[in-house]
Amino acid sequence: MPTVLAYHDVKEVKHWLASPRRKEIFEPIGCTNIRTFVDPQASKRVGLVMDVADMGRLEEFMKTKPAADAMEYDGVLPETLVILTQS
């Protein structure tokens, strides 16, 4: 099962950290062991690491309106999103 690292900027770090949306949207598509991070050098940059059962399913999901809605709710700035996969 590959591990994914994603990072991006957000409008409000405290809101993003407290949000339940990550678990609500990622767990049903097979993403587990979700861990969050905050960049101490950049005040609005955050990230997460998670194990992904099906990368294709995650990639397709990220193109959907529910994914966009969740990012909007969490204050994610989508243009800053970078997703890296374990090599």
N, C-alpha and C. Protein backbone atom coordinates (compact mmCIF):
# COMPACT_ATOMS: atom_id res chain seq x y z
N MET A 1 0.85 -1.17 0.00
CA MET A 1 0.00 0.00 0.00
C MET A 1 0.90 1.24 0.00
N PRO A 2 0.81 2.08 -1.03
CA PRO A 2 1.68 3.26 -1.08
C PRO A 2 1.28 4.32 -0.04
N THR A 3 2.27 5.09 0.33
CA THR A 3 2.05 6.23 1.21
C THR A 3 2.12 7.49 0.35
N VAL A 4 1.22 8.42 0.63
CA VAL A 4 1.14 9.69 -0.11
C VAL A 4 1.45 10.83 0.84
N LEU A 5 2.21 11.78 0.33
CA LEU A 5 2.47 13.04 1.04
C LEU A 5 1.84 14.13 0.22
N ALA A 6 0.98 14.92 0.84
CA ALA A 6 0.36 16.07 0.16
C ALA A 6 0.60 17.31 1.01
N TYR A 7 0.92 18.40 0.34
CA TYR A 7 1.06 19.66 1.07
C TYR A 7 0.46 20.79 0.24
N HIS A 8 0.04 21.83 0.97
CA HIS A 8 -0.63 22.97 0.33
C HIS A 8 -0.74 24.09 1.34
N ASP A 9 -1.15 25.24 0.87
CA ASP A 9 -1.42 26.37 1.75
C ASP A 9 -2.90 26.39 2.10
N VAL A 10 -3.21 26.96 3.24
CA VAL A 10 -4.60 27.11 3.70
C VAL A 10 -4.83 28.54 4.15
N LYS A 11 -6.10 28.88 4.24
CA LYS A 11 -6.47 30.22 4.72
C LYS A 11 -6.24 30.35 6.22
N GLU A 12 -6.58 29.27 6.97
CA GLU A 12 -6.49 29.32 8.43
C GLU A 12 -6.04 27.95 8.94
N VAL A 13 -4.85 27.88 9.50
CA VAL A 13 -4.26 26.62 9.95
C VAL A 13 -5.09 25.96 11.04
N LYS A 14 -5.52 26.71 12.03
CA LYS A 14 -6.29 26.12 13.14
C LYS A 14 -7.57 25.46 12.63
N HIS A 15 -8.26 26.11 11.71
CA HIS A 15 -9.49 25.53 11.15
C HIS A 15 -9.17 24.23 10.41
N TRP A 16 -8.12 24.25 9.58
CA TRP A 16 -7.74 23.06 8.83
C TRP A 16 -7.40 21.90 9.76
N LEU A 17 -6.64 22.17 10.80
CA LEU A 17 -6.26 21.11 11.74
C LEU A 17 -7.47 20.52 12.45
N ALA A 18 -8.45 21.34 12.77
CA ALA A 18 -9.62 20.88 13.52
C ALA A 18 -10.69 20.23 12.65
N SER A 19 -10.57 20.36 11.36
CA SER A 19 -11.62 19.88 10.45
C SER A 19 -11.73 18.35 10.45
N PRO A 20 -12.96 17.84 10.47
CA PRO A 20 -13.18 16.39 10.37
C PRO A 20 -13.24 15.91 8.92
N ARG A 21 -13.19 16.83 7.96
CA ARG A 21 -13.40 16.46 6.56
C ARG A 21 -12.40 15.45 6.00
N ARG A 22 -11.14 15.53 6.40
CA ARG A 22 -10.17 14.58 5.86
C ARG A 22 -10.62 13.14 6.08
N LYS A 23 -10.97 12.82 7.32
CA LYS A 23 -11.41 11.46 7.62
C LYS A 23 -12.71 11.14 6.88
N GLU A 24 -13.63 12.11 6.84
CA GLU A 24 -14.93 11.88 6.21
C GLU A 24 -14.81 11.58 4.72
N ILE A 25 -13.87 12.20 4.03
CA ILE A 25 -13.79 11.99 2.59
C ILE A 25 -12.75 10.95 2.18
N PHE A 26 -11.66 10.85 2.92
CA PHE A 26 -10.60 9.93 2.50
C PHE A 26 -10.79 8.50 2.99
N GLU A 27 -11.29 8.30 4.19
CA GLU A 27 -11.44 6.93 4.70
C GLU A 27 -12.38 6.08 3.84
N PRO A 28 -13.54 6.61 3.38
CA PRO A 28 -14.42 5.78 2.56
C PRO A 28 -13.82 5.33 1.23
N ILE A 29 -12.77 6.03 0.75
CA ILE A 29 -12.15 5.60 -0.51
C ILE A 29 -10.86 4.81 -0.26
N GLY A 30 -10.65 4.36 0.97
CA GLY A 30 -9.54 3.47 1.27
C GLY A 30 -8.25 4.12 1.74
N CYS A 31 -8.31 5.37 2.15
CA CYS A 31 -7.12 6.05 2.68
C CYS A 31 -7.13 5.92 4.20
N THR A 32 -6.00 5.50 4.76
CA THR A 32 -5.91 5.25 6.19
C THR A 32 -4.66 5.87 6.77
N ASN A 33 -4.58 5.84 8.09
CA ASN A 33 -3.40 6.31 8.80
C ASN A 33 -3.05 7.76 8.42
N ILE A 34 -4.07 8.62 8.42
CA ILE A 34 -3.90 10.02 8.02
C ILE A 34 -3.26 10.80 9.16
N ARG A 35 -2.14 11.46 8.81
CA ARG A 35 -1.41 12.27 9.80
C ARG A 35 -1.22 13.67 9.24
N THR A 36 -1.40 14.68 10.08
CA THR A 36 -1.30 16.06 9.64
C THR A 36 0.00 16.71 10.12
N PHE A 37 0.43 17.72 9.36
CA PHE A 37 1.68 18.43 9.65
C PHE A 37 1.50 19.92 9.38
N VAL A 38 2.29 20.72 10.07
CA VAL A 38 2.32 22.17 9.85
C VAL A 38 3.76 22.57 9.59
N ASP A 39 3.98 23.37 8.57
CA ASP A 39 5.31 23.85 8.23
C ASP A 39 5.68 24.99 9.17
N PRO A 40 6.67 24.83 10.04
CA PRO A 40 7.03 25.89 10.98
C PRO A 40 7.68 27.10 10.31
N GLN A 41 8.13 26.94 9.06
CA GLN A 41 8.76 28.04 8.34
C GLN A 41 7.79 28.86 7.49
N ALA A 42 6.62 28.30 7.20
CA ALA A 42 5.62 28.98 6.38
C ALA A 42 4.30 28.95 7.13
N SER A 43 3.81 30.09 7.52
CA SER A 43 2.67 30.16 8.44
C SER A 43 1.39 29.54 7.93
N LYS A 44 1.20 29.41 6.63
CA LYS A 44 -0.05 28.87 6.10
C LYS A 44 0.13 27.54 5.35
N ARG A 45 1.31 26.95 5.38
CA ARG A 45 1.55 25.68 4.68
C ARG A 45 1.33 24.52 5.63
N VAL A 46 0.55 23.56 5.17
CA VAL A 46 0.25 22.37 5.94
C VAL A 46 0.40 21.15 5.03
N GLY A 47 0.37 19.98 5.64
CA GLY A 47 0.47 18.78 4.84
C GLY A 47 -0.11 17.59 5.54
N LEU A 48 -0.19 16.51 4.81
CA LEU A 48 -0.66 15.26 5.40
C LEU A 48 0.04 14.10 4.73
N VAL A 49 0.10 13.02 5.46
CA VAL A 49 0.62 11.75 4.97
C VAL A 49 -0.47 10.73 5.22
N MET A 50 -0.70 9.85 4.23
CA MET A 50 -1.71 8.81 4.41
C MET A 50 -1.36 7.61 3.56
N ASP A 51 -1.83 6.46 3.98
CA ASP A 51 -1.68 5.24 3.21
C ASP A 51 -2.88 5.12 2.28
N VAL A 52 -2.62 4.76 1.03
CA VAL A 52 -3.68 4.75 0.01
C VAL A 52 -3.79 3.35 -0.59
N ALA A 53 -4.96 2.75 -0.44
CA ALA A 53 -5.18 1.40 -0.95
C ALA A 53 -5.24 1.37 -2.48
N ASP A 54 -5.79 2.43 -3.09
CA ASP A 54 -5.99 2.45 -4.55
C ASP A 54 -5.69 3.85 -5.06
N MET A 55 -4.50 4.03 -5.64
CA MET A 55 -4.10 5.35 -6.12
C MET A 55 -5.02 5.87 -7.22
N GLY A 56 -5.47 5.00 -8.11
CA GLY A 56 -6.38 5.41 -9.17
C GLY A 56 -7.67 5.97 -8.61
N ARG A 57 -8.18 5.32 -7.59
CA ARG A 57 -9.42 5.80 -6.96
C ARG A 57 -9.20 7.17 -6.32
N LEU A 58 -8.07 7.37 -5.66
CA LEU A 58 -7.77 8.67 -5.06
C LEU A 58 -7.64 9.74 -6.14
N GLU A 59 -6.91 9.44 -7.23
CA GLU A 59 -6.73 10.40 -8.31
C GLU A 59 -8.07 10.81 -8.92
N GLU A 60 -8.95 9.85 -9.15
CA GLU A 60 -10.27 10.16 -9.71
C GLU A 60 -11.11 10.97 -8.72
N PHE A 61 -11.04 10.59 -7.44
CA PHE A 61 -11.81 11.31 -6.43
C PHE A 61 -11.40 12.77 -6.36
N MET A 62 -10.10 13.05 -6.48
CA MET A 62 -9.61 14.42 -6.35
C MET A 62 -10.14 15.34 -7.45
N LYS A 63 -10.73 14.78 -8.51
CA LYS A 63 -11.31 15.56 -9.61
C LYS A 63 -12.79 15.84 -9.41
N THR A 64 -13.37 15.36 -8.31
CA THR A 64 -14.82 15.45 -8.12
C THR A 64 -15.23 16.71 -7.34
N LYS A 65 -16.52 17.02 -7.44
CA LYS A 65 -17.07 18.14 -6.69
C LYS A 65 -16.99 17.92 -5.18
N PRO A 66 -17.26 16.70 -4.65
CA PRO A 66 -17.11 16.51 -3.21
C PRO A 66 -15.68 16.80 -2.72
N ALA A 67 -14.68 16.47 -3.53
CA ALA A 67 -13.30 16.79 -3.14
C ALA A 67 -13.09 18.30 -3.14
N ALA A 68 -13.58 18.97 -4.17
CA ALA A 68 -13.45 20.43 -4.24
C ALA A 68 -14.20 21.10 -3.09
N ASP A 69 -15.38 20.58 -2.77
CA ASP A 69 -16.16 21.14 -1.66
C ASP A 69 -15.42 20.97 -0.33
N ALA A 70 -14.82 19.81 -0.14
CA ALA A 70 -14.07 19.55 1.11
C ALA A 70 -12.87 20.49 1.21
N MET A 71 -12.17 20.69 0.10
CA MET A 71 -11.03 21.60 0.12
C MET A 71 -11.49 23.03 0.43
N GLU A 72 -12.61 23.42 -0.16
CA GLU A 72 -13.14 24.76 0.11
C GLU A 72 -13.51 24.91 1.59
N TYR A 73 -14.19 23.90 2.14
CA TYR A 73 -14.57 23.93 3.55
C TYR A 73 -13.34 24.05 4.45
N ASP A 74 -12.29 23.31 4.09
CA ASP A 74 -11.07 23.30 4.91
C ASP A 74 -10.19 24.53 4.69
N GLY A 75 -10.55 25.36 3.70
CA GLY A 75 -9.75 26.55 3.42
C GLY A 75 -8.48 26.27 2.64
N VAL A 76 -8.46 25.14 1.92
CA VAL A 76 -7.30 24.78 1.11
C VAL A 76 -7.24 25.69 -0.11
N LEU A 77 -6.05 26.16 -0.43
CA LEU A 77 -5.82 26.93 -1.65
C LEU A 77 -5.39 25.91 -2.71
N PRO A 78 -6.33 25.44 -3.55
CA PRO A 78 -6.06 24.31 -4.46
C PRO A 78 -4.88 24.52 -5.40
N GLU A 79 -4.63 25.74 -5.78
CA GLU A 79 -3.52 26.00 -6.71
C GLU A 79 -2.16 25.72 -6.09
N THR A 80 -2.11 25.54 -4.77
CA THR A 80 -0.85 25.25 -4.08
C THR A 80 -0.66 23.77 -3.78
N LEU A 81 -1.64 22.95 -4.11
CA LEU A 81 -1.62 21.52 -3.78
C LEU A 81 -0.54 20.76 -4.55
N VAL A 82 0.29 20.02 -3.81
CA VAL A 82 1.30 19.14 -4.38
C VAL A 82 1.11 17.77 -3.73
N ILE A 83 1.03 16.73 -4.57
CA ILE A 83 0.87 15.37 -4.06
C ILE A 83 2.07 14.55 -4.51
N LEU A 84 2.75 13.93 -3.55
CA LEU A 84 3.89 13.07 -3.83
C LEU A 84 3.56 11.64 -3.40
N THR A 85 4.00 10.67 -4.19
CA THR A 85 3.77 9.28 -3.84
C THR A 85 5.08 8.62 -3.45
N GLN A 86 4.96 7.66 -2.57
CA GLN A 86 6.13 6.94 -2.08
C GLN A 86 6.79 6.21 -3.26
N SER A 87 8.10 6.29 -3.31
CA SER A 87 8.81 5.63 -4.43
C SER A 87 9.44 4.33 -3.96
